[in-house]
Amino acid sequence: MGSEKLIALFGTHIDGGLSAIPLSFVVGRDGSLLSVVKGIRSSEEFEKLIQQSLQSRP
């Protein structure tokens, strides 16, 4: 669930701030923000996004 702390932490990484619900983040193993997904997505779409992210990063 969202909180003020979470919004403050990730809100600065998105142009215009947090503007959509739901809003999902793909965070790399090193803690870097790899992707921001606005709106509803299927589990298959998330699986594909995560797999692509894992393959593109060491």
PDB file of N, CA and C in Angstrom:
ATOM      1  N   MET A   1       0.832  -1.182   0.000  1.00  0.00           N
ATOM      2  CA  MET A   1       0.000   0.000   0.000  1.00  0.00           C
ATOM      3  C   MET A   1       0.873   1.242   0.000  1.00  0.00           C
ATOM      4  N   GLY A   2       0.358   2.297  -0.582  1.00  0.00           N
ATOM      5  CA  GLY A   2       1.077   3.557  -0.640  1.00  0.00           C
ATOM      6  C   GLY A   2       1.145   4.233   0.712  1.00  0.00           C
ATOM      7  N   SER A   3       2.185   4.991   0.899  1.00  0.00           N
ATOM      8  CA  SER A   3       2.334   5.774   2.120  1.00  0.00           C
ATOM      9  C   SER A   3       3.052   7.069   1.760  1.00  0.00           C
ATOM     10  N   GLU A   4       3.035   8.021   2.667  1.00  0.00           N
ATOM     11  CA  GLU A   4       3.732   9.289   2.428  1.00  0.00           C
ATOM     12  C   GLU A   4       5.225   9.050   2.186  1.00  0.00           C
ATOM     13  N   LYS A   5       5.810   8.124   2.942  1.00  0.00           N
ATOM     14  CA  LYS A   5       7.235   7.823   2.795  1.00  0.00           C
ATOM     15  C   LYS A   5       7.522   7.235   1.413  1.00  0.00           C
ATOM     16  N   LEU A   6       6.693   6.321   0.963  1.00  0.00           N
ATOM     17  CA  LEU A   6       6.867   5.705  -0.348  1.00  0.00           C
ATOM     18  C   LEU A   6       6.713   6.734  -1.461  1.00  0.00           C
ATOM     19  N   ILE A   7       5.716   7.585  -1.352  1.00  0.00           N
ATOM     20  CA  ILE A   7       5.499   8.629  -2.354  1.00  0.00           C
ATOM     21  C   ILE A   7       6.699   9.568  -2.401  1.00  0.00           C
ATOM     22  N   ALA A   8       7.213   9.951  -1.248  1.00  0.00           N
ATOM     23  CA  ALA A   8       8.378  10.834  -1.201  1.00  0.00           C
ATOM     24  C   ALA A   8       9.605  10.164  -1.806  1.00  0.00           C
ATOM     25  N   LEU A   9       9.763   8.871  -1.573  1.00  0.00           N
ATOM     26  CA  LEU A   9      10.926   8.138  -2.058  1.00  0.00           C
ATOM     27  C   LEU A   9      10.918   7.978  -3.572  1.00  0.00           C
ATOM     28  N   PHE A  10       9.787   7.578  -4.145  1.00  0.00           N
ATOM     29  CA  PHE A  10       9.726   7.287  -5.573  1.00  0.00           C
ATOM     30  C   PHE A  10       9.139   8.418  -6.410  1.00  0.00           C
ATOM     31  N   GLY A  11       8.392   9.318  -5.809  1.00  0.00           N
ATOM     32  CA  GLY A  11       7.729  10.380  -6.556  1.00  0.00           C
ATOM     33  C   GLY A  11       8.670  11.274  -7.334  1.00  0.00           C
ATOM     34  N   THR A  12       9.885  11.457  -6.838  1.00  0.00           N
ATOM     35  CA  THR A  12      10.848  12.319  -7.518  1.00  0.00           C
ATOM     36  C   THR A  12      11.427  11.684  -8.772  1.00  0.00           C
ATOM     37  N   HIS A  13      11.241  10.391  -8.972  1.00  0.00           N
ATOM     38  CA  HIS A  13      11.781   9.685 -10.132  1.00  0.00           C
ATOM     39  C   HIS A  13      10.843   9.715 -11.333  1.00  0.00           C
ATOM     40  N   ILE A  14       9.673  10.291 -11.166  1.00  0.00           N
ATOM     41  CA  ILE A  14       8.671  10.285 -12.224  1.00  0.00           C
ATOM     42  C   ILE A  14       8.356  11.720 -12.601  1.00  0.00           C
ATOM     43  N   ASP A  15       8.534  12.047 -13.885  1.00  0.00           N
ATOM     44  CA  ASP A  15       8.201  13.387 -14.347  1.00  0.00           C
ATOM     45  C   ASP A  15       6.756  13.703 -14.013  1.00  0.00           C
ATOM     46  N   GLY A  16       6.524  14.803 -13.346  1.00  0.00           N
ATOM     47  CA  GLY A  16       5.172  15.196 -12.972  1.00  0.00           C
ATOM     48  C   GLY A  16       4.686  14.569 -11.686  1.00  0.00           C
ATOM     49  N   GLY A  17       5.507  13.741 -11.036  1.00  0.00           N
ATOM     50  CA  GLY A  17       5.116  13.099  -9.785  1.00  0.00           C
ATOM     51  C   GLY A  17       4.235  11.885 -10.015  1.00  0.00           C
ATOM     52  N   LEU A  18       3.674  11.378  -8.946  1.00  0.00           N
ATOM     53  CA  LEU A  18       2.787  10.218  -9.026  1.00  0.00           C
ATOM     54  C   LEU A  18       1.437  10.679  -9.548  1.00  0.00           C
ATOM     55  N   SER A  19       1.046  10.166 -10.719  1.00  0.00           N
ATOM     56  CA  SER A  19      -0.164  10.672 -11.365  1.00  0.00           C
ATOM     57  C   SER A  19      -1.169   9.600 -11.750  1.00  0.00           C
ATOM     58  N   ALA A  20      -0.886   8.351 -11.442  1.00  0.00           N
ATOM     59  CA  ALA A  20      -1.792   7.277 -11.844  1.00  0.00           C
ATOM     60  C   ALA A  20      -1.907   6.250 -10.730  1.00  0.00           C
ATOM     61  N   ILE A  21      -3.051   5.592 -10.698  1.00  0.00           N
ATOM     62  CA  ILE A  21      -3.274   4.490  -9.770  1.00  0.00           C
ATOM     63  C   ILE A  21      -3.907   3.362 -10.573  1.00  0.00           C
ATOM     64  N   PRO A  22      -3.410   2.155 -10.543  1.00  0.00           N
ATOM     65  CA  PRO A  22      -2.208   1.749  -9.826  1.00  0.00           C
ATOM     66  C   PRO A  22      -0.945   2.205 -10.560  1.00  0.00           C
ATOM     67  N   LEU A  23       0.135   2.260  -9.821  1.00  0.00           N
ATOM     68  CA  LEU A  23       1.443   2.615 -10.341  1.00  0.00           C
ATOM     69  C   LEU A  23       2.417   1.584  -9.798  1.00  0.00           C
ATOM     70  N   SER A  24       3.113   0.900 -10.693  1.00  0.00           N
ATOM     71  CA  SER A  24       4.035  -0.161 -10.277  1.00  0.00           C
ATOM     72  C   SER A  24       5.451   0.206 -10.690  1.00  0.00           C
ATOM     73  N   PHE A  25       6.410  -0.273  -9.919  1.00  0.00           N
ATOM     74  CA  PHE A  25       7.815  -0.003 -10.181  1.00  0.00           C
ATOM     75  C   PHE A  25       8.552  -1.318 -10.358  1.00  0.00           C
ATOM     76  N   VAL A  26       9.471  -1.360 -11.327  1.00  0.00           N
ATOM     77  CA  VAL A  26      10.399  -2.473 -11.444  1.00  0.00           C
ATOM     78  C   VAL A  26      11.731  -1.932 -10.940  1.00  0.00           C
ATOM     79  N   VAL A  27      12.207  -2.519  -9.847  1.00  0.00           N
ATOM     80  CA  VAL A  27      13.427  -2.062  -9.195  1.00  0.00           C
ATOM     81  C   VAL A  27      14.501  -3.121  -9.388  1.00  0.00           C
ATOM     82  N   GLY A  28      15.676  -2.688  -9.838  1.00  0.00           N
ATOM     83  CA  GLY A  28      16.782  -3.601 -10.082  1.00  0.00           C
ATOM     84  C   GLY A  28      17.400  -4.117  -8.800  1.00  0.00           C
ATOM     85  N   ARG A  29      18.232  -5.122  -8.946  1.00  0.00           N
ATOM     86  CA  ARG A  29      18.911  -5.716  -7.786  1.00  0.00           C
ATOM     87  C   ARG A  29      19.767  -4.701  -7.045  1.00  0.00           C
ATOM     88  N   ASP A  30      20.248  -3.699  -7.780  1.00  0.00           N
ATOM     89  CA  ASP A  30      21.084  -2.666  -7.163  1.00  0.00           C
ATOM     90  C   ASP A  30      20.262  -1.517  -6.585  1.00  0.00           C
ATOM     91  N   GLY A  31      18.936  -1.636  -6.646  1.00  0.00           N
ATOM     92  CA  GLY A  31      18.059  -0.612  -6.096  1.00  0.00           C
ATOM     93  C   GLY A  31      17.683   0.481  -7.069  1.00  0.00           C
ATOM     94  N   SER A  32      18.190   0.408  -8.303  1.00  0.00           N
ATOM     95  CA  SER A  32      17.868   1.437  -9.289  1.00  0.00           C
ATOM     96  C   SER A  32      16.469   1.215  -9.855  1.00  0.00           C
ATOM     97  N   LEU A  33      15.832   2.290 -10.223  1.00  0.00           N
ATOM     98  CA  LEU A  33      14.494   2.236 -10.802  1.00  0.00           C
ATOM     99  C   LEU A  33      14.623   1.919 -12.284  1.00  0.00           C
ATOM    100  N   LEU A  34      14.135   0.747 -12.705  1.00  0.00           N
ATOM    101  CA  LEU A  34      14.266   0.312 -14.089  1.00  0.00           C
ATOM    102  C   LEU A  34      13.071   0.700 -14.939  1.00  0.00           C
ATOM    103  N   SER A  35      11.889   0.676 -14.342  1.00  0.00           N
ATOM    104  CA  SER A  35      10.688   0.922 -15.127  1.00  0.00           C
ATOM    105  C   SER A  35       9.550   1.362 -14.225  1.00  0.00           C
ATOM    106  N   VAL A  36       8.677   2.192 -14.787  1.00  0.00           N
ATOM    107  CA  VAL A  36       7.462   2.625 -14.111  1.00  0.00           C
ATOM    108  C   VAL A  36       6.293   2.214 -14.992  1.00  0.00           C
ATOM    109  N   VAL A  37       5.337   1.504 -14.425  1.00  0.00           N
ATOM    110  CA  VAL A  37       4.178   1.018 -15.170  1.00  0.00           C
ATOM    111  C   VAL A  37       2.937   1.706 -14.626  1.00  0.00           C
ATOM    112  N   LYS A  38       2.275   2.474 -15.486  1.00  0.00           N
ATOM    113  CA  LYS A  38       1.046   3.165 -15.088  1.00  0.00           C
ATOM    114  C   LYS A  38      -0.153   2.343 -15.534  1.00  0.00           C
ATOM    115  N   GLY A  39      -1.095   2.158 -14.643  1.00  0.00           N
ATOM    116  CA  GLY A  39      -2.326   1.458 -14.980  1.00  0.00           C
ATOM    117  C   GLY A  39      -2.262  -0.036 -14.735  1.00  0.00           C
ATOM    118  N   ILE A  40      -3.354  -0.678 -15.069  1.00  0.00           N
ATOM    119  CA  ILE A  40      -3.515  -2.116 -14.838  1.00  0.00           C
ATOM    120  C   ILE A  40      -2.809  -2.897 -15.935  1.00  0.00           C
ATOM    121  N   ARG A  41      -2.091  -3.940 -15.540  1.00  0.00           N
ATOM    122  CA  ARG A  41      -1.416  -4.839 -16.470  1.00  0.00           C
ATOM    123  C   ARG A  41      -1.689  -6.272 -16.035  1.00  0.00           C
ATOM    124  N   SER A  42      -1.627  -7.179 -16.988  1.00  0.00           N
ATOM    125  CA  SER A  42      -1.818  -8.596 -16.672  1.00  0.00           C
ATOM    126  C   SER A  42      -0.538  -9.163 -16.063  1.00  0.00           C
ATOM    127  N   SER A  43      -0.674 -10.302 -15.417  1.00  0.00           N
ATOM    128  CA  SER A  43       0.504 -10.945 -14.832  1.00  0.00           C
ATOM    129  C   SER A  43       1.496 -11.337 -15.924  1.00  0.00           C
ATOM    130  N   GLU A  44       0.991 -11.683 -17.109  1.00  0.00           N
ATOM    131  CA  GLU A  44       1.863 -12.030 -18.227  1.00  0.00           C
ATOM    132  C   GLU A  44       2.701 -10.829 -18.664  1.00  0.00           C
ATOM    133  N   GLU A  45       2.080  -9.645 -18.689  1.00  0.00           N
ATOM    134  CA  GLU A  45       2.811  -8.434 -19.065  1.00  0.00           C
ATOM    135  C   GLU A  45       3.907  -8.114 -18.049  1.00  0.00           C
ATOM    136  N   PHE A  46       3.595  -8.284 -16.760  1.00  0.00           N
ATOM    137  CA  PHE A  46       4.609  -8.052 -15.730  1.00  0.00           C
ATOM    138  C   PHE A  46       5.733  -9.078 -15.833  1.00  0.00           C
ATOM    139  N   GLU A  47       5.380 -10.312 -16.075  1.00  0.00           N
ATOM    140  CA  GLU A  47       6.388 -11.368 -16.232  1.00  0.00           C
ATOM    141  C   GLU A  47       7.355 -11.010 -17.358  1.00  0.00           C
ATOM    142  N   LYS A  48       6.827 -10.577 -18.489  1.00  0.00           N
ATOM    143  CA  LYS A  48       7.653 -10.203 -19.640  1.00  0.00           C
ATOM    144  C   LYS A  48       8.556  -9.021 -19.293  1.00  0.00           C
ATOM    145  N   LEU A  49       8.014  -8.010 -18.647  1.00  0.00           N
ATOM    146  CA  LEU A  49       8.780  -6.828 -18.259  1.00  0.00           C
ATOM    147  C   LEU A  49       9.903  -7.194 -17.294  1.00  0.00           C
ATOM    148  N   ILE A  50       9.608  -8.025 -16.331  1.00  0.00           N
ATOM    149  CA  ILE A  50      10.619  -8.435 -15.352  1.00  0.00           C
ATOM    150  C   ILE A  50      11.712  -9.259 -16.022  1.00  0.00           C
ATOM    151  N   GLN A  51      11.327 -10.184 -16.886  1.00  0.00           N
ATOM    152  CA  GLN A  51      12.322 -11.002 -17.594  1.00  0.00           C
ATOM    153  C   GLN A  51      13.231 -10.135 -18.457  1.00  0.00           C
ATOM    154  N   GLN A  52      12.650  -9.159 -19.159  1.00  0.00           N
ATOM    155  CA  GLN A  52      13.452  -8.244 -19.978  1.00  0.00           C
ATOM    156  C   GLN A  52      14.413  -7.449 -19.104  1.00  0.00           C
ATOM    157  N   SER A  53      13.949  -7.014 -17.960  1.00  0.00           N
ATOM    158  CA  SER A  53      14.787  -6.240 -17.045  1.00  0.00           C
ATOM    159  C   SER A  53      15.939  -7.079 -16.509  1.00  0.00           C
ATOM    160  N   LEU A  54      15.670  -8.326 -16.183  1.00  0.00           N
ATOM    161  CA  LEU A  54      16.720  -9.211 -15.680  1.00  0.00           C
ATOM    162  C   LEU A  54      17.775  -9.483 -16.742  1.00  0.00           C
ATOM    163  N   GLN A  55      17.358  -9.599 -17.995  1.00  0.00           N
ATOM    164  CA  GLN A  55      18.295  -9.885 -19.079  1.00  0.00           C
ATOM    165  C   GLN A  55      19.132  -8.672 -19.462  1.00  0.00           C
ATOM    166  N   SER A  56      18.598  -7.474 -19.254  1.00  0.00           N
ATOM    167  CA  SER A  56      19.311  -6.271 -19.681  1.00  0.00           C
ATOM    168  C   SER A  56      20.296  -5.758 -18.640  1.00  0.00           C
ATOM    169  N   ARG A  57      20.228  -6.257 -17.437  1.00  0.00           N
ATOM    170  CA  ARG A  57      21.108  -5.805 -16.357  1.00  0.00           C
ATOM    171  C   ARG A  57      22.015  -6.937 -15.907  1.00  0.00           C
ATOM    172  N   PRO A  58      23.282  -6.597 -15.549  1.00  0.00           N
ATOM    173  CA  PRO A  58      24.192  -7.644 -15.026  1.00  0.00           C
ATOM    174  C   PRO A  58      23.751  -8.168 -13.679  1.00  0.00           C
TER     175      PRO A  58
END
